[in-house]
């Protein structure tokens, strides 16, 4: 999947955080919803501007960012 069709960064929107195009929903926020236990259905129902493709793009973007990351800092006390 080419996440670039769905995710972008604009310094005028959320201080340049990556967001789903056409929204003010950041990748970080959406990942946080899933980390909190939200289902895809809950996310799509609560944020009707999102699509399944946009959600897949969020995960594709995060995966690519992790592939390119050279340092994985785990916060103290996390394990």
PDB file of N, CA and C in Angstrom:
ATOM      1  N   UNK A   1       0.842  -1.190   0.000  1.00  0.00           N
ATOM      2  CA  UNK A   1       0.000   0.000   0.000  1.00  0.00           C
ATOM      3  C   UNK A   1       0.878   1.241   0.000  1.00  0.00           C
ATOM      4  N   UNK A   2       0.518   2.213  -0.795  1.00  0.00           N
ATOM      5  CA  UNK A   2       1.217   3.490  -0.813  1.00  0.00           C
ATOM      6  C   UNK A   2       0.511   4.440   0.155  1.00  0.00           C
ATOM      7  N   UNK A   3       1.037   4.543   1.356  1.00  0.00           N
ATOM      8  CA  UNK A   3       0.405   5.361   2.382  1.00  0.00           C
ATOM      9  C   UNK A   3       0.401   6.850   2.008  1.00  0.00           C
ATOM     10  N   UNK A   4       1.269   7.242   1.083  1.00  0.00           N
ATOM     11  CA  UNK A   4       1.369   8.657   0.695  1.00  0.00           C
ATOM     12  C   UNK A   4       0.083   9.200   0.089  1.00  0.00           C
ATOM     13  N   UNK A   5      -0.771   8.334  -0.394  1.00  0.00           N
ATOM     14  CA  UNK A   5      -2.064   8.776  -0.927  1.00  0.00           C
ATOM     15  C   UNK A   5      -3.006   9.217   0.194  1.00  0.00           C
ATOM     16  N   UNK A   6      -2.725   8.800   1.435  1.00  0.00           N
ATOM     17  CA  UNK A   6      -3.654   9.023   2.545  1.00  0.00           C
ATOM     18  C   UNK A   6      -3.066   9.823   3.709  1.00  0.00           C
ATOM     19  N   UNK A   7      -1.755   9.854   3.828  1.00  0.00           N
ATOM     20  CA  UNK A   7      -1.103  10.493   4.973  1.00  0.00           C
ATOM     21  C   UNK A   7      -0.233  11.643   4.477  1.00  0.00           C
ATOM     22  N   UNK A   8      -0.302  12.774   5.176  1.00  0.00           N
ATOM     23  CA  UNK A   8       0.599  13.874   4.832  1.00  0.00           C
ATOM     24  C   UNK A   8       0.908  14.697   6.073  1.00  0.00           C
ATOM     25  N   UNK A   9       1.848  15.594   5.909  1.00  0.00           N
ATOM     26  CA  UNK A   9       2.267  16.467   7.001  1.00  0.00           C
ATOM     27  C   UNK A   9       2.260  17.896   6.488  1.00  0.00           C
ATOM     28  N   UNK A  10       1.639  18.765   7.255  1.00  0.00           N
ATOM     29  CA  UNK A  10       1.539  20.184   6.896  1.00  0.00           C
ATOM     30  C   UNK A  10       1.825  20.985   8.165  1.00  0.00           C
ATOM     31  N   UNK A  11       2.823  21.867   8.131  1.00  0.00           N
ATOM     32  CA  UNK A  11       3.155  22.642   9.334  1.00  0.00           C
ATOM     33  C   UNK A  11       1.978  23.443   9.886  1.00  0.00           C
ATOM     34  N   UNK A  12       0.963  23.697   9.063  1.00  0.00           N
ATOM     35  CA  UNK A  12      -0.200  24.460   9.487  1.00  0.00           C
ATOM     36  C   UNK A  12      -1.264  23.585  10.174  1.00  0.00           C
ATOM     37  N   UNK A  13      -1.073  22.270  10.146  1.00  0.00           N
ATOM     38  CA  UNK A  13      -2.045  21.346  10.751  1.00  0.00           C
ATOM     39  C   UNK A  13      -1.343  20.545  11.834  1.00  0.00           C
ATOM     40  N   UNK A  14      -1.804  20.677  13.064  1.00  0.00           N
ATOM     41  CA  UNK A  14      -1.255  19.949  14.212  1.00  0.00           C
ATOM     42  C   UNK A  14       0.276  20.024  14.289  1.00  0.00           C
ATOM     43  N   UNK A  15       0.799  21.205  14.020  1.00  0.00           N
ATOM     44  CA  UNK A  15       2.243  21.457  14.103  1.00  0.00           C
ATOM     45  C   UNK A  15       3.066  20.530  13.218  1.00  0.00           C
ATOM     46  N   UNK A  16       2.475  20.052  12.128  1.00  0.00           N
ATOM     47  CA  UNK A  16       3.211  19.226  11.183  1.00  0.00           C
ATOM     48  C   UNK A  16       3.181  17.739  11.463  1.00  0.00           C
ATOM     49  N   UNK A  17       2.405  17.312  12.470  1.00  0.00           N
ATOM     50  CA  UNK A  17       2.299  15.869  12.727  1.00  0.00           C
ATOM     51  C   UNK A  17       1.675  15.197  11.511  1.00  0.00           C
ATOM     52  N   UNK A  18       2.069  13.975  11.202  1.00  0.00           N
ATOM     53  CA  UNK A  18       1.424  13.251  10.096  1.00  0.00           C
ATOM     54  C   UNK A  18      -0.056  13.024  10.412  1.00  0.00           C
ATOM     55  N   UNK A  19      -0.914  13.375   9.462  1.00  0.00           N
ATOM     56  CA  UNK A  19      -2.362  13.227   9.622  1.00  0.00           C
ATOM     57  C   UNK A  19      -2.947  12.544   8.391  1.00  0.00           C
ATOM     58  N   UNK A  20      -4.152  12.020   8.558  1.00  0.00           N
ATOM     59  CA  UNK A  20      -4.893  11.493   7.415  1.00  0.00           C
ATOM     60  C   UNK A  20      -5.355  12.695   6.602  1.00  0.00           C
ATOM     61  N   UNK A  21      -5.074  12.675   5.312  1.00  0.00           N
ATOM     62  CA  UNK A  21      -5.451  13.783   4.434  1.00  0.00           C
ATOM     63  C   UNK A  21      -6.929  14.120   4.580  1.00  0.00           C
ATOM     64  N   UNK A  22      -7.212  15.424   4.613  1.00  0.00           N
ATOM     65  CA  UNK A  22      -8.587  15.887   4.709  1.00  0.00           C
ATOM     66  C   UNK A  22      -9.152  15.869   6.115  1.00  0.00           C
ATOM     67  N   UNK A  23      -8.304  15.523   7.105  1.00  0.00           N
ATOM     68  CA  UNK A  23      -8.747  15.489   8.499  1.00  0.00           C
ATOM     69  C   UNK A  23      -7.703  16.164   9.367  1.00  0.00           C
ATOM     70  N   UNK A  24      -8.038  16.296  10.631  1.00  0.00           N
ATOM     71  CA  UNK A  24      -7.069  16.727  11.638  1.00  0.00           C
ATOM     72  C   UNK A  24      -6.780  15.561  12.583  1.00  0.00           C
ATOM     73  N   UNK A  25      -6.944  14.347  12.067  1.00  0.00           N
ATOM     74  CA  UNK A  25      -6.698  13.134  12.849  1.00  0.00           C
ATOM     75  C   UNK A  25      -5.275  12.662  12.600  1.00  0.00           C
ATOM     76  N   UNK A  26      -4.455  12.740  13.633  1.00  0.00           N
ATOM     77  CA  UNK A  26      -3.052  12.362  13.467  1.00  0.00           C
ATOM     78  C   UNK A  26      -2.890  10.846  13.492  1.00  0.00           C
ATOM     79  N   UNK A  27      -1.819  10.410  12.861  1.00  0.00           N
ATOM     80  CA  UNK A  27      -1.455   8.994  12.893  1.00  0.00           C
ATOM     81  C   UNK A  27      -1.301   8.561  14.345  1.00  0.00           C
ATOM     82  N   UNK A  28      -0.641   9.373  15.140  1.00  0.00           N
ATOM     83  CA  UNK A  28      -0.426   9.081  16.554  1.00  0.00           C
ATOM     84  C   UNK A  28      -1.757   8.871  17.281  1.00  0.00           C
ATOM     85  N   UNK A  29      -2.729   9.742  17.040  1.00  0.00           N
ATOM     86  CA  UNK A  29      -4.035   9.641  17.689  1.00  0.00           C
ATOM     87  C   UNK A  29      -4.735   8.342  17.304  1.00  0.00           C
ATOM     88  N   UNK A  30      -4.730   8.029  16.016  1.00  0.00           N
ATOM     89  CA  UNK A  30      -5.416   6.820  15.546  1.00  0.00           C
ATOM     90  C   UNK A  30      -4.756   5.565  16.105  1.00  0.00           C
ATOM     91  N   UNK A  31      -3.436   5.522  16.098  1.00  0.00           N
ATOM     92  CA  UNK A  31      -2.735   4.369  16.688  1.00  0.00           C
ATOM     93  C   UNK A  31      -3.065   4.256  18.170  1.00  0.00           C
ATOM     94  N   UNK A  32      -3.192   5.379  18.830  1.00  0.00           N
ATOM     95  CA  UNK A  32      -3.553   5.381  20.248  1.00  0.00           C
ATOM     96  C   UNK A  32      -4.927   4.787  20.501  1.00  0.00           C
ATOM     97  N   UNK A  33      -5.865   5.055  19.600  1.00  0.00           N
ATOM     98  CA  UNK A  33      -7.196   4.458  19.745  1.00  0.00           C
ATOM     99  C   UNK A  33      -7.110   2.940  19.699  1.00  0.00           C
ATOM    100  N   UNK A  34      -6.368   2.423  18.724  1.00  0.00           N
ATOM    101  CA  UNK A  34      -6.207   0.971  18.616  1.00  0.00           C
ATOM    102  C   UNK A  34      -5.466   0.410  19.831  1.00  0.00           C
ATOM    103  N   UNK A  35      -4.455   1.124  20.298  1.00  0.00           N
ATOM    104  CA  UNK A  35      -3.704   0.677  21.475  1.00  0.00           C
ATOM    105  C   UNK A  35      -4.586   0.644  22.717  1.00  0.00           C
ATOM    106  N   UNK A  36      -5.621   1.487  22.732  1.00  0.00           N
ATOM    107  CA  UNK A  36      -6.557   1.524  23.866  1.00  0.00           C
ATOM    108  C   UNK A  36      -7.647   0.471  23.757  1.00  0.00           C
ATOM    109  N   UNK A  37      -7.641  -0.290  22.663  1.00  0.00           N
ATOM    110  CA  UNK A  37      -8.605  -1.372  22.524  1.00  0.00           C
ATOM    111  C   UNK A  37      -9.749  -1.111  21.564  1.00  0.00           C
ATOM    112  N   UNK A  38      -9.748   0.036  20.905  1.00  0.00           N
ATOM    113  CA  UNK A  38     -10.810   0.304  19.935  1.00  0.00           C
ATOM    114  C   UNK A  38     -10.698  -0.671  18.774  1.00  0.00           C
ATOM    115  N   UNK A  39     -11.836  -1.037  18.226  1.00  0.00           N
ATOM    116  CA  UNK A  39     -11.866  -1.879  17.036  1.00  0.00           C
ATOM    117  C   UNK A  39     -11.921  -0.990  15.800  1.00  0.00           C
ATOM    118  N   UNK A  40     -11.633  -1.599  14.651  1.00  0.00           N
ATOM    119  CA  UNK A  40     -11.742  -0.859  13.397  1.00  0.00           C
ATOM    120  C   UNK A  40     -13.154  -0.304  13.234  1.00  0.00           C
ATOM    121  N   UNK A  41     -14.147  -1.104  13.562  1.00  0.00           N
ATOM    122  CA  UNK A  41     -15.535  -0.671  13.428  1.00  0.00           C
ATOM    123  C   UNK A  41     -15.812   0.546  14.313  1.00  0.00           C
ATOM    124  N   UNK A  42     -15.322   0.536  15.544  1.00  0.00           N
ATOM    125  CA  UNK A  42     -15.534   1.678  16.439  1.00  0.00           C
ATOM    126  C   UNK A  42     -14.878   2.943  15.893  1.00  0.00           C
ATOM    127  N   UNK A  43     -13.683   2.797  15.376  1.00  0.00           N
ATOM    128  CA  UNK A  43     -12.981   3.963  14.830  1.00  0.00           C
ATOM    129  C   UNK A  43     -13.751   4.524  13.639  1.00  0.00           C
ATOM    130  N   UNK A  44     -14.158   3.648  12.734  1.00  0.00           N
ATOM    131  CA  UNK A  44     -14.876   4.108  11.534  1.00  0.00           C
ATOM    132  C   UNK A  44     -16.237   4.714  11.879  1.00  0.00           C
ATOM    133  N   UNK A  45     -16.914   4.167  12.888  1.00  0.00           N
ATOM    134  CA  UNK A  45     -18.217   4.717  13.283  1.00  0.00           C
ATOM    135  C   UNK A  45     -18.067   6.084  13.945  1.00  0.00           C
ATOM    136  N   UNK A  46     -17.013   6.251  14.742  1.00  0.00           N
ATOM    137  CA  UNK A  46     -16.825   7.505  15.468  1.00  0.00           C
ATOM    138  C   UNK A  46     -16.149   8.591  14.644  1.00  0.00           C
ATOM    139  N   UNK A  47     -15.463   8.199  13.597  1.00  0.00           N
ATOM    140  CA  UNK A  47     -14.774   9.151  12.720  1.00  0.00           C
ATOM    141  C   UNK A  47     -15.145   8.824  11.276  1.00  0.00           C
ATOM    142  N   UNK A  48     -16.354   9.209  10.859  1.00  0.00           N
ATOM    143  CA  UNK A  48     -16.873   8.813   9.545  1.00  0.00           C
ATOM    144  C   UNK A  48     -16.093   9.354   8.350  1.00  0.00           C
ATOM    145  N   UNK A  49     -15.189  10.297   8.569  1.00  0.00           N
ATOM    146  CA  UNK A  49     -14.369  10.773   7.447  1.00  0.00           C
ATOM    147  C   UNK A  49     -13.258   9.784   7.111  1.00  0.00           C
ATOM    148  N   UNK A  50     -12.992   8.840   8.010  1.00  0.00           N
ATOM    149  CA  UNK A  50     -11.965   7.828   7.763  1.00  0.00           C
ATOM    150  C   UNK A  50     -12.535   6.683   6.935  1.00  0.00           C
ATOM    151  N   UNK A  51     -11.654   6.017   6.214  1.00  0.00           N
ATOM    152  CA  UNK A  51     -12.021   4.833   5.441  1.00  0.00           C
ATOM    153  C   UNK A  51     -11.125   3.680   5.877  1.00  0.00           C
ATOM    154  N   UNK A  52     -11.495   2.470   5.488  1.00  0.00           N
ATOM    155  CA  UNK A  52     -10.647   1.315   5.772  1.00  0.00           C
ATOM    156  C   UNK A  52      -9.275   1.491   5.132  1.00  0.00           C
ATOM    157  N   UNK A  53      -9.239   2.055   3.935  1.00  0.00           N
ATOM    158  CA  UNK A  53      -7.969   2.272   3.248  1.00  0.00           C
ATOM    159  C   UNK A  53      -7.094   3.260   4.014  1.00  0.00           C
ATOM    160  N   UNK A  54      -7.707   4.314   4.554  1.00  0.00           N
ATOM    161  CA  UNK A  54      -6.953   5.292   5.337  1.00  0.00           C
ATOM    162  C   UNK A  54      -6.376   4.651   6.594  1.00  0.00           C
ATOM    163  N   UNK A  55      -7.140   3.766   7.224  1.00  0.00           N
ATOM    164  CA  UNK A  55      -6.632   3.073   8.411  1.00  0.00           C
ATOM    165  C   UNK A  55      -5.469   2.157   8.051  1.00  0.00           C
ATOM    166  N   UNK A  56      -5.564   1.455   6.937  1.00  0.00           N
ATOM    167  CA  UNK A  56      -4.452   0.619   6.493  1.00  0.00           C
ATOM    168  C   UNK A  56      -3.222   1.485   6.217  1.00  0.00           C
ATOM    169  N   UNK A  57      -3.451   2.672   5.664  1.00  0.00           N
ATOM    170  CA  UNK A  57      -2.342   3.593   5.395  1.00  0.00           C
ATOM    171  C   UNK A  57      -1.664   4.038   6.689  1.00  0.00           C
ATOM    172  N   UNK A  58      -2.437   4.232   7.748  1.00  0.00           N
ATOM    173  CA  UNK A  58      -1.864   4.596   9.045  1.00  0.00           C
ATOM    174  C   UNK A  58      -0.883   3.513   9.491  1.00  0.00           C
ATOM    175  N   UNK A  59      -1.298   2.248   9.385  1.00  0.00           N
ATOM    176  CA  UNK A  59      -0.418   1.158   9.801  1.00  0.00           C
ATOM    177  C   UNK A  59       0.772   0.994   8.853  1.00  0.00           C
ATOM    178  N   UNK A  60       0.562   1.206   7.567  1.00  0.00           N
ATOM    179  CA  UNK A  60       1.659   1.123   6.604  1.00  0.00           C
ATOM    180  C   UNK A  60       2.688   2.214   6.887  1.00  0.00           C
ATOM    181  N   UNK A  61       2.217   3.410   7.192  1.00  0.00           N
ATOM    182  CA  UNK A  61       3.105   4.520   7.532  1.00  0.00           C
ATOM    183  C   UNK A  61       3.913   4.187   8.789  1.00  0.00           C
ATOM    184  N   UNK A  62       3.234   3.705   9.826  1.00  0.00           N
ATOM    185  CA  UNK A  62       3.912   3.368  11.078  1.00  0.00           C
ATOM    186  C   UNK A  62       4.945   2.262  10.855  1.00  0.00           C
ATOM    187  N   UNK A  63       4.590   1.261  10.059  1.00  0.00           N
ATOM    188  CA  UNK A  63       5.520   0.161   9.784  1.00  0.00           C
ATOM    189  C   UNK A  63       6.758   0.677   9.059  1.00  0.00           C
ATOM    190  N   UNK A  64       6.567   1.558   8.086  1.00  0.00           N
ATOM    191  CA  UNK A  64       7.711   2.104   7.355  1.00  0.00           C
ATOM    192  C   UNK A  64       8.584   2.947   8.273  1.00  0.00           C
ATOM    193  N   UNK A  65       7.976   3.717   9.131  1.00  0.00           N
ATOM    194  CA  UNK A  65       8.750   4.519  10.086  1.00  0.00           C
ATOM    195  C   UNK A  65       9.584   3.622  10.991  1.00  0.00           C
ATOM    196  N   UNK A  66       9.029   2.520  11.437  1.00  0.00           N
ATOM    197  CA  UNK A  66       9.766   1.601  12.310  1.00  0.00           C
ATOM    198  C   UNK A  66      10.899   0.909  11.552  1.00  0.00           C
ATOM    199  N   UNK A  67      10.691   0.592  10.286  1.00  0.00           N
ATOM    200  CA  UNK A  67      11.753  -0.031   9.485  1.00  0.00           C
ATOM    201  C   UNK A  67      12.947   0.898   9.351  1.00  0.00           C
ATOM    202  N   UNK A  68      12.668   2.190   9.267  1.00  0.00           N
ATOM    203  CA  UNK A  68      13.730   3.170   9.055  1.00  0.00           C
ATOM    204  C   UNK A  68      14.378   3.633  10.356  1.00  0.00           C
ATOM    205  N   UNK A  69      13.782   3.287  11.486  1.00  0.00           N
ATOM    206  CA  UNK A  69      14.288   3.715  12.792  1.00  0.00           C
ATOM    207  C   UNK A  69      15.525   2.897  13.163  1.00  0.00           C
ATOM    208  N   UNK A  70      16.568   3.585  13.614  1.00  0.00           N
ATOM    209  CA  UNK A  70      17.801   2.896  13.969  1.00  0.00           C
ATOM    210  C   UNK A  70      17.910   2.650  15.478  1.00  0.00           C
ATOM    211  N   UNK A  71      17.194   3.414  16.282  1.00  0.00           N
ATOM    212  CA  UNK A  71      17.282   3.297  17.729  1.00  0.00           C
ATOM    213  C   UNK A  71      15.890   3.054  18.290  1.00  0.00           C
ATOM    214  N   UNK A  72      15.753   2.024  19.076  1.00  0.00           N
ATOM    215  CA  UNK A  72      14.464   1.692  19.686  1.00  0.00           C
ATOM    216  C   UNK A  72      14.579   1.899  21.186  1.00  0.00           C
ATOM    217  N   UNK A  73      14.244   3.063  21.639  1.00  0.00           N
ATOM    218  CA  UNK A  73      14.342   3.380  23.062  1.00  0.00           C
ATOM    219  C   UNK A  73      13.078   2.917  23.769  1.00  0.00           C
ATOM    220  N   UNK A  74      13.252   2.045  24.753  1.00  0.00           N
ATOM    221  CA  UNK A  74      12.139   1.554  25.553  1.00  0.00           C
ATOM    222  C   UNK A  74      12.159   2.357  26.862  1.00  0.00           C
ATOM    223  N   UNK A  75      11.044   3.014  27.222  1.00  0.00           N
ATOM    224  CA  UNK A  75      11.020   3.811  28.453  1.00  0.00           C
ATOM    225  C   UNK A  75      11.351   2.953  29.668  1.00  0.00           C
ATOM    226  N   UNK A  76      12.047   3.550  30.633  1.00  0.00           N
ATOM    227  CA  UNK A  76      12.393   2.845  31.871  1.00  0.00           C
ATOM    228  C   UNK A  76      11.126   2.356  32.559  1.00  0.00           C
ATOM    229  N   UNK A  77      11.181   1.161  33.075  1.00  0.00           N
ATOM    230  CA  UNK A  77      10.031   0.595  33.772  1.00  0.00           C
ATOM    231  C   UNK A  77       9.026  -0.062  32.858  1.00  0.00           C
ATOM    232  N   UNK A  78       9.293  -0.107  31.566  1.00  0.00           N
ATOM    233  CA  UNK A  78       8.347  -0.685  30.612  1.00  0.00           C
ATOM    234  C   UNK A  78       8.526  -2.189  30.472  1.00  0.00           C
ATOM    235  N   UNK A  79       9.467  -2.763  31.141  1.00  0.00           N
ATOM    236  CA  UNK A  79       9.607  -4.196  30.933  1.00  0.00           C
ATOM    237  C   UNK A  79      10.453  -4.816  31.955  1.00  0.00           C
TER     238      UNK A  79
END
